[in-house]
Amino acid sequence: MQFSLKNGDTEAQRVIFKDQDVRNYCEMIGYEYDSVVPTLMCAQLWSEFKVFQSFSNEEIMLVRTKVEKYENLESDMQYCAYLTYKKSYKVKQFDQFIFELKINNNKTCIIIEQTFLKEVKMYDI
C-alpha cells in the first residue's frame, strides 16, 4: 500500500474524556480514580484520526513512545488534539513512521510521540 501522507500533515479534533469512561478505565487498570485522565488512555485517540487510519489494516509495531506531560488532563473537559505525521524513513528492511499527538486546552497539556515500524516484504518474481 502506498501512503499519500506527507511529513507535517496534521489533523485536529476536539476531544472530551467522559467521566464514566475514565472511571471504567481506571478500574480496569487498577488506578485510583481522581478525575485525572491516565496518560495511557490517550492511546484510544489515535484510531479516530484519519491521518492514522491509513495504517489500520497494516501490520505495524510500536517501538518507541516519548511522553512530555505539562498539565493533567481532566475528565469532562474539552481539549484540542492534534495528530501530526512527523516523518518516515527506511531503516534496513523496515519503514519507520513517527507521529506526534499534542493535546491542549489554551496551553499544551501533553505531547506523545510514537514511532512505528512496518516490515517491507520483498516478493520473488
N, C-alpha and C. Protein backbone atom coordinates (compact mmCIF):
# COMPACT_ATOMS: atom_id res chain seq x y z
N MET A 1 0.83 -1.18 0.00
CA MET A 1 0.00 0.00 0.00
C MET A 1 0.87 1.24 0.00
N GLN A 2 0.60 2.16 -0.87
CA GLN A 2 1.36 3.39 -0.94
C GLN A 2 0.63 4.46 -0.14
N PHE A 3 1.36 5.16 0.71
CA PHE A 3 0.76 6.16 1.57
C PHE A 3 0.84 7.53 0.91
N SER A 4 -0.24 8.29 1.05
CA SER A 4 -0.26 9.62 0.46
C SER A 4 0.02 10.69 1.51
N LEU A 5 0.40 10.28 2.71
CA LEU A 5 0.72 11.24 3.75
C LEU A 5 2.03 11.94 3.45
N LYS A 6 2.09 13.20 3.84
CA LYS A 6 3.32 13.97 3.70
C LYS A 6 3.80 14.34 5.09
N ASN A 7 5.12 14.44 5.24
CA ASN A 7 5.67 14.89 6.51
C ASN A 7 5.03 16.22 6.89
N GLY A 8 4.60 16.31 8.13
CA GLY A 8 3.99 17.54 8.61
C GLY A 8 2.48 17.59 8.50
N ASP A 9 1.86 16.60 7.83
CA ASP A 9 0.39 16.56 7.77
C ASP A 9 -0.16 16.51 9.19
N THR A 10 -1.11 17.38 9.48
CA THR A 10 -1.70 17.46 10.81
C THR A 10 -3.22 17.46 10.71
N GLU A 11 -3.83 16.78 11.66
CA GLU A 11 -5.29 16.76 11.76
C GLU A 11 -5.66 17.18 13.18
N ALA A 12 -6.70 17.98 13.30
CA ALA A 12 -7.15 18.45 14.62
C ALA A 12 -8.54 17.92 14.91
N GLN A 13 -8.78 17.61 16.18
CA GLN A 13 -10.10 17.17 16.64
C GLN A 13 -10.32 17.68 18.05
N ARG A 14 -11.58 17.90 18.37
CA ARG A 14 -11.95 18.19 19.75
C ARG A 14 -12.20 16.87 20.46
N VAL A 15 -11.68 16.75 21.67
CA VAL A 15 -11.87 15.51 22.43
C VAL A 15 -12.32 15.83 23.85
N ILE A 16 -13.14 14.95 24.38
CA ILE A 16 -13.57 15.01 25.77
C ILE A 16 -13.44 13.60 26.34
N PHE A 17 -12.74 13.48 27.44
CA PHE A 17 -12.65 12.20 28.13
C PHE A 17 -13.79 12.17 29.14
N LYS A 18 -14.84 11.44 28.79
CA LYS A 18 -16.04 11.41 29.63
C LYS A 18 -15.73 10.76 30.98
N ASP A 19 -16.32 11.35 32.01
CA ASP A 19 -16.05 10.93 33.38
C ASP A 19 -16.25 9.42 33.57
N GLN A 20 -17.36 8.89 33.08
CA GLN A 20 -17.63 7.46 33.28
C GLN A 20 -16.61 6.60 32.54
N ASP A 21 -16.20 7.03 31.36
CA ASP A 21 -15.17 6.29 30.62
C ASP A 21 -13.85 6.27 31.39
N VAL A 22 -13.50 7.41 31.98
CA VAL A 22 -12.26 7.50 32.76
C VAL A 22 -12.37 6.61 34.00
N ARG A 23 -13.51 6.63 34.65
CA ARG A 23 -13.73 5.75 35.83
C ARG A 23 -13.57 4.28 35.44
N ASN A 24 -14.19 3.89 34.33
CA ASN A 24 -14.10 2.49 33.87
C ASN A 24 -12.66 2.12 33.54
N TYR A 25 -11.96 3.02 32.88
CA TYR A 25 -10.56 2.76 32.50
C TYR A 25 -9.70 2.60 33.76
N CYS A 26 -9.89 3.50 34.71
CA CYS A 26 -9.12 3.43 35.96
C CYS A 26 -9.38 2.12 36.69
N GLU A 27 -10.63 1.70 36.72
CA GLU A 27 -10.97 0.44 37.38
C GLU A 27 -10.30 -0.73 36.66
N MET A 28 -10.30 -0.69 35.34
CA MET A 28 -9.72 -1.77 34.54
C MET A 28 -8.21 -1.91 34.79
N ILE A 29 -7.50 -0.78 34.95
CA ILE A 29 -6.04 -0.85 35.12
C ILE A 29 -5.62 -0.81 36.58
N GLY A 30 -6.60 -0.76 37.50
CA GLY A 30 -6.27 -0.75 38.92
C GLY A 30 -5.71 0.58 39.40
N TYR A 31 -6.18 1.66 38.81
CA TYR A 31 -5.72 3.01 39.13
C TYR A 31 -6.82 3.70 39.92
N GLU A 32 -6.46 4.37 41.00
CA GLU A 32 -7.47 5.06 41.80
C GLU A 32 -7.98 6.29 41.05
N TYR A 33 -9.28 6.36 40.87
CA TYR A 33 -9.90 7.47 40.14
C TYR A 33 -9.80 8.76 40.95
N ASP A 34 -9.34 9.83 40.27
CA ASP A 34 -9.25 11.14 40.90
C ASP A 34 -9.59 12.26 39.92
N SER A 35 -10.35 11.93 38.90
CA SER A 35 -10.79 12.81 37.80
C SER A 35 -9.69 13.14 36.80
N VAL A 36 -8.47 12.68 37.05
CA VAL A 36 -7.36 12.88 36.11
C VAL A 36 -7.36 11.72 35.11
N VAL A 37 -7.22 12.06 33.84
CA VAL A 37 -7.19 11.06 32.78
C VAL A 37 -5.81 10.39 32.77
N PRO A 38 -5.73 9.06 32.92
CA PRO A 38 -4.43 8.39 32.83
C PRO A 38 -3.82 8.61 31.44
N THR A 39 -2.54 8.86 31.40
CA THR A 39 -1.86 9.15 30.14
C THR A 39 -2.10 8.08 29.09
N LEU A 40 -2.05 6.81 29.49
CA LEU A 40 -2.22 5.73 28.52
C LEU A 40 -3.61 5.70 27.89
N MET A 41 -4.57 6.35 28.51
CA MET A 41 -5.92 6.39 27.94
C MET A 41 -5.93 7.18 26.63
N CYS A 42 -4.93 8.02 26.43
CA CYS A 42 -4.83 8.79 25.18
C CYS A 42 -4.62 7.89 23.97
N ALA A 43 -4.18 6.66 24.20
CA ALA A 43 -3.94 5.73 23.09
C ALA A 43 -5.20 5.47 22.29
N GLN A 44 -6.37 5.58 22.91
CA GLN A 44 -7.62 5.33 22.19
C GLN A 44 -7.89 6.40 21.15
N LEU A 45 -7.22 7.52 21.22
CA LEU A 45 -7.48 8.62 20.28
C LEU A 45 -6.89 8.38 18.90
N TRP A 46 -5.78 7.66 18.82
CA TRP A 46 -5.05 7.54 17.56
C TRP A 46 -5.94 7.05 16.42
N SER A 47 -6.73 6.03 16.67
CA SER A 47 -7.55 5.44 15.60
C SER A 47 -8.67 6.36 15.14
N GLU A 48 -8.96 7.41 15.87
CA GLU A 48 -10.01 8.35 15.48
C GLU A 48 -9.54 9.37 14.45
N PHE A 49 -8.25 9.44 14.22
CA PHE A 49 -7.69 10.41 13.28
C PHE A 49 -7.53 9.77 11.89
N LYS A 50 -8.02 10.45 10.87
CA LYS A 50 -7.89 9.96 9.50
C LYS A 50 -6.43 9.82 9.11
N VAL A 51 -5.59 10.72 9.61
CA VAL A 51 -4.17 10.70 9.26
C VAL A 51 -3.50 9.40 9.73
N PHE A 52 -4.07 8.74 10.73
CA PHE A 52 -3.53 7.47 11.23
C PHE A 52 -4.27 6.27 10.68
N GLN A 53 -5.49 6.45 10.21
CA GLN A 53 -6.31 5.33 9.75
C GLN A 53 -5.73 4.59 8.55
N SER A 54 -4.86 5.24 7.79
CA SER A 54 -4.26 4.55 6.66
C SER A 54 -3.39 3.37 7.11
N PHE A 55 -3.06 3.34 8.40
CA PHE A 55 -2.27 2.24 8.95
C PHE A 55 -3.13 1.17 9.62
N SER A 56 -4.44 1.36 9.65
CA SER A 56 -5.31 0.46 10.43
C SER A 56 -5.30 -0.98 9.93
N ASN A 57 -5.07 -1.21 8.66
CA ASN A 57 -5.04 -2.57 8.13
C ASN A 57 -3.61 -3.08 7.91
N GLU A 58 -2.66 -2.32 8.38
CA GLU A 58 -1.25 -2.68 8.21
C GLU A 58 -0.72 -3.35 9.48
N GLU A 59 0.27 -4.21 9.30
CA GLU A 59 0.96 -4.79 10.45
C GLU A 59 2.09 -3.85 10.82
N ILE A 60 1.86 -3.08 11.87
CA ILE A 60 2.89 -2.15 12.34
C ILE A 60 3.20 -2.48 13.80
N MET A 61 4.43 -2.16 14.19
CA MET A 61 4.87 -2.40 15.56
C MET A 61 5.18 -1.06 16.21
N LEU A 62 4.67 -0.85 17.41
CA LEU A 62 5.04 0.32 18.19
C LEU A 62 6.39 0.01 18.83
N VAL A 63 7.40 0.84 18.54
CA VAL A 63 8.74 0.56 19.06
C VAL A 63 9.25 1.63 20.03
N ARG A 64 8.62 2.79 20.06
CA ARG A 64 9.10 3.84 20.96
C ARG A 64 7.96 4.80 21.28
N THR A 65 7.88 5.18 22.53
CA THR A 65 6.92 6.19 22.97
C THR A 65 7.66 7.20 23.83
N LYS A 66 7.46 8.47 23.52
CA LYS A 66 8.05 9.56 24.30
C LYS A 66 6.89 10.43 24.77
N VAL A 67 6.81 10.66 26.09
CA VAL A 67 5.72 11.45 26.66
C VAL A 67 6.29 12.67 27.37
N GLU A 68 5.73 13.83 27.04
CA GLU A 68 6.04 15.06 27.76
C GLU A 68 4.72 15.56 28.34
N LYS A 69 4.61 15.51 29.66
CA LYS A 69 3.37 15.90 30.32
C LYS A 69 3.59 17.21 31.07
N TYR A 70 2.79 18.22 30.71
CA TYR A 70 2.91 19.53 31.32
C TYR A 70 1.76 19.83 32.28
N GLU A 71 0.59 19.32 31.95
CA GLU A 71 -0.62 19.53 32.75
C GLU A 71 -1.41 18.22 32.75
N ASN A 72 -2.13 17.96 33.82
CA ASN A 72 -3.03 16.80 33.85
C ASN A 72 -4.21 17.04 32.93
N LEU A 73 -4.68 15.98 32.30
CA LEU A 73 -5.93 16.02 31.56
C LEU A 73 -7.05 15.67 32.53
N GLU A 74 -8.12 16.45 32.52
CA GLU A 74 -9.22 16.26 33.46
C GLU A 74 -10.44 15.66 32.74
N SER A 75 -11.20 14.87 33.47
CA SER A 75 -12.45 14.31 32.94
C SER A 75 -13.43 15.42 32.60
N ASP A 76 -14.23 15.17 31.56
CA ASP A 76 -15.32 16.07 31.15
C ASP A 76 -14.88 17.47 30.75
N MET A 77 -13.63 17.64 30.37
CA MET A 77 -13.15 18.92 29.84
C MET A 77 -12.90 18.75 28.35
N GLN A 78 -13.14 19.79 27.59
CA GLN A 78 -12.88 19.74 26.15
C GLN A 78 -11.44 20.14 25.88
N TYR A 79 -10.80 19.37 25.02
CA TYR A 79 -9.42 19.62 24.62
C TYR A 79 -9.33 19.63 23.10
N CYS A 80 -8.31 20.25 22.60
CA CYS A 80 -7.97 20.17 21.18
C CYS A 80 -6.82 19.17 21.06
N ALA A 81 -7.00 18.19 20.20
CA ALA A 81 -5.97 17.18 19.97
C ALA A 81 -5.50 17.31 18.53
N TYR A 82 -4.19 17.31 18.35
CA TYR A 82 -3.57 17.44 17.03
C TYR A 82 -2.68 16.24 16.80
N LEU A 83 -2.94 15.49 15.74
CA LEU A 83 -2.07 14.38 15.38
C LEU A 83 -1.29 14.79 14.15
N THR A 84 0.02 14.74 14.27
CA THR A 84 0.92 15.14 13.19
C THR A 84 1.74 13.95 12.73
N TYR A 85 1.77 13.76 11.41
CA TYR A 85 2.64 12.76 10.79
C TYR A 85 3.99 13.45 10.62
N LYS A 86 4.92 13.19 11.54
CA LYS A 86 6.17 13.94 11.57
C LYS A 86 7.13 13.55 10.44
N LYS A 87 7.38 12.25 10.31
CA LYS A 87 8.31 11.83 9.25
C LYS A 87 8.30 10.32 9.10
N SER A 88 8.86 9.90 7.99
CA SER A 88 9.04 8.47 7.74
C SER A 88 10.35 8.28 6.99
N TYR A 89 10.95 7.15 7.23
CA TYR A 89 12.17 6.80 6.50
C TYR A 89 12.43 5.31 6.63
N LYS A 90 13.34 4.83 5.80
CA LYS A 90 13.69 3.41 5.77
C LYS A 90 14.81 3.13 6.76
N VAL A 91 14.65 2.01 7.47
CA VAL A 91 15.68 1.51 8.37
C VAL A 91 15.83 0.03 8.05
N LYS A 92 16.88 -0.31 7.30
CA LYS A 92 17.10 -1.67 6.84
C LYS A 92 15.87 -2.17 6.09
N GLN A 93 15.23 -3.27 6.56
CA GLN A 93 14.07 -3.81 5.84
C GLN A 93 12.75 -3.26 6.40
N PHE A 94 12.81 -2.15 7.11
CA PHE A 94 11.61 -1.57 7.72
C PHE A 94 11.38 -0.14 7.26
N ASP A 95 10.11 0.24 7.22
CA ASP A 95 9.73 1.64 7.09
C ASP A 95 9.40 2.11 8.50
N GLN A 96 9.95 3.26 8.86
CA GLN A 96 9.71 3.81 10.19
C GLN A 96 8.84 5.05 10.05
N PHE A 97 7.80 5.14 10.89
CA PHE A 97 6.86 6.26 10.86
C PHE A 97 6.81 6.89 12.25
N ILE A 98 6.86 8.21 12.30
CA ILE A 98 6.80 8.91 13.58
C ILE A 98 5.59 9.84 13.57
N PHE A 99 4.76 9.68 14.60
CA PHE A 99 3.57 10.52 14.79
C PHE A 99 3.68 11.24 16.12
N GLU A 100 3.07 12.43 16.17
CA GLU A 100 3.03 13.19 17.42
C GLU A 100 1.60 13.58 17.72
N LEU A 101 1.15 13.26 18.93
CA LEU A 101 -0.17 13.65 19.40
C LEU A 101 0.02 14.74 20.44
N LYS A 102 -0.56 15.90 20.17
CA LYS A 102 -0.46 17.03 21.09
C LYS A 102 -1.87 17.38 21.55
N ILE A 103 -2.06 17.44 22.86
CA ILE A 103 -3.37 17.75 23.43
C ILE A 103 -3.24 19.01 24.25
N ASN A 104 -4.12 19.98 23.97
CA ASN A 104 -4.04 21.22 24.72
C ASN A 104 -5.42 21.80 25.02
N ASN A 105 -5.41 22.73 25.95
CA ASN A 105 -6.59 23.48 26.34
C ASN A 105 -6.08 24.87 26.71
N ASN A 106 -5.88 25.70 25.69
CA ASN A 106 -5.26 27.02 25.80
C ASN A 106 -3.77 26.96 26.08
N LYS A 107 -3.25 25.86 26.55
CA LYS A 107 -1.81 25.64 26.67
C LYS A 107 -1.57 24.14 26.51
N THR A 108 -0.36 23.80 26.13
CA THR A 108 -0.04 22.40 25.90
C THR A 108 -0.12 21.61 27.20
N CYS A 109 -0.89 20.54 27.18
CA CYS A 109 -1.03 19.66 28.34
C CYS A 109 -0.12 18.44 28.23
N ILE A 110 -0.10 17.85 27.04
CA ILE A 110 0.67 16.61 26.87
C ILE A 110 1.07 16.47 25.41
N ILE A 111 2.27 15.93 25.19
CA ILE A 111 2.75 15.60 23.85
C ILE A 111 3.21 14.14 23.90
N ILE A 112 2.66 13.34 23.00
CA ILE A 112 3.04 11.93 22.93
C ILE A 112 3.57 11.67 21.52
N GLU A 113 4.83 11.30 21.44
CA GLU A 113 5.44 10.96 20.15
C GLU A 113 5.63 9.46 20.11
N GLN A 114 5.13 8.84 19.03
CA GLN A 114 5.27 7.40 18.91
C GLN A 114 5.91 7.04 17.58
N THR A 115 6.78 6.03 17.64
CA THR A 115 7.48 5.54 16.47
C THR A 115 7.00 4.12 16.18
N PHE A 116 6.64 3.90 14.93
CA PHE A 116 6.14 2.61 14.48
C PHE A 116 7.05 2.07 13.38
N LEU A 117 7.16 0.75 13.31
CA LEU A 117 7.89 0.08 12.23
C LEU A 117 6.94 -0.80 11.45
N LYS A 118 7.17 -0.83 10.15
CA LYS A 118 6.44 -1.74 9.27
C LYS A 118 7.48 -2.46 8.43
N GLU A 119 7.42 -3.78 8.44
CA GLU A 119 8.38 -4.55 7.67
C GLU A 119 8.04 -4.45 6.19
N VAL A 120 9.06 -4.19 5.39
CA VAL A 120 8.90 -4.14 3.95
C VAL A 120 9.18 -5.54 3.42
N LYS A 121 8.17 -6.14 2.81
CA LYS A 121 8.32 -7.51 2.32
C LYS A 121 8.74 -7.48 0.86
N MET A 122 9.77 -8.24 0.59
CA MET A 122 10.26 -8.35 -0.78
C MET A 122 9.70 -9.65 -1.36
N TYR A 123 9.06 -9.53 -2.50
CA TYR A 123 8.46 -10.70 -3.13
C TYR A 123 9.32 -11.16 -4.29
N ASP A 124 9.50 -12.47 -4.38
CA ASP A 124 10.24 -13.04 -5.51
C ASP A 124 9.36 -13.02 -6.75
N ILE A 125 9.96 -12.69 -7.86
CA ILE A 125 9.21 -12.65 -9.12
C ILE A 125 9.51 -13.89 -9.91
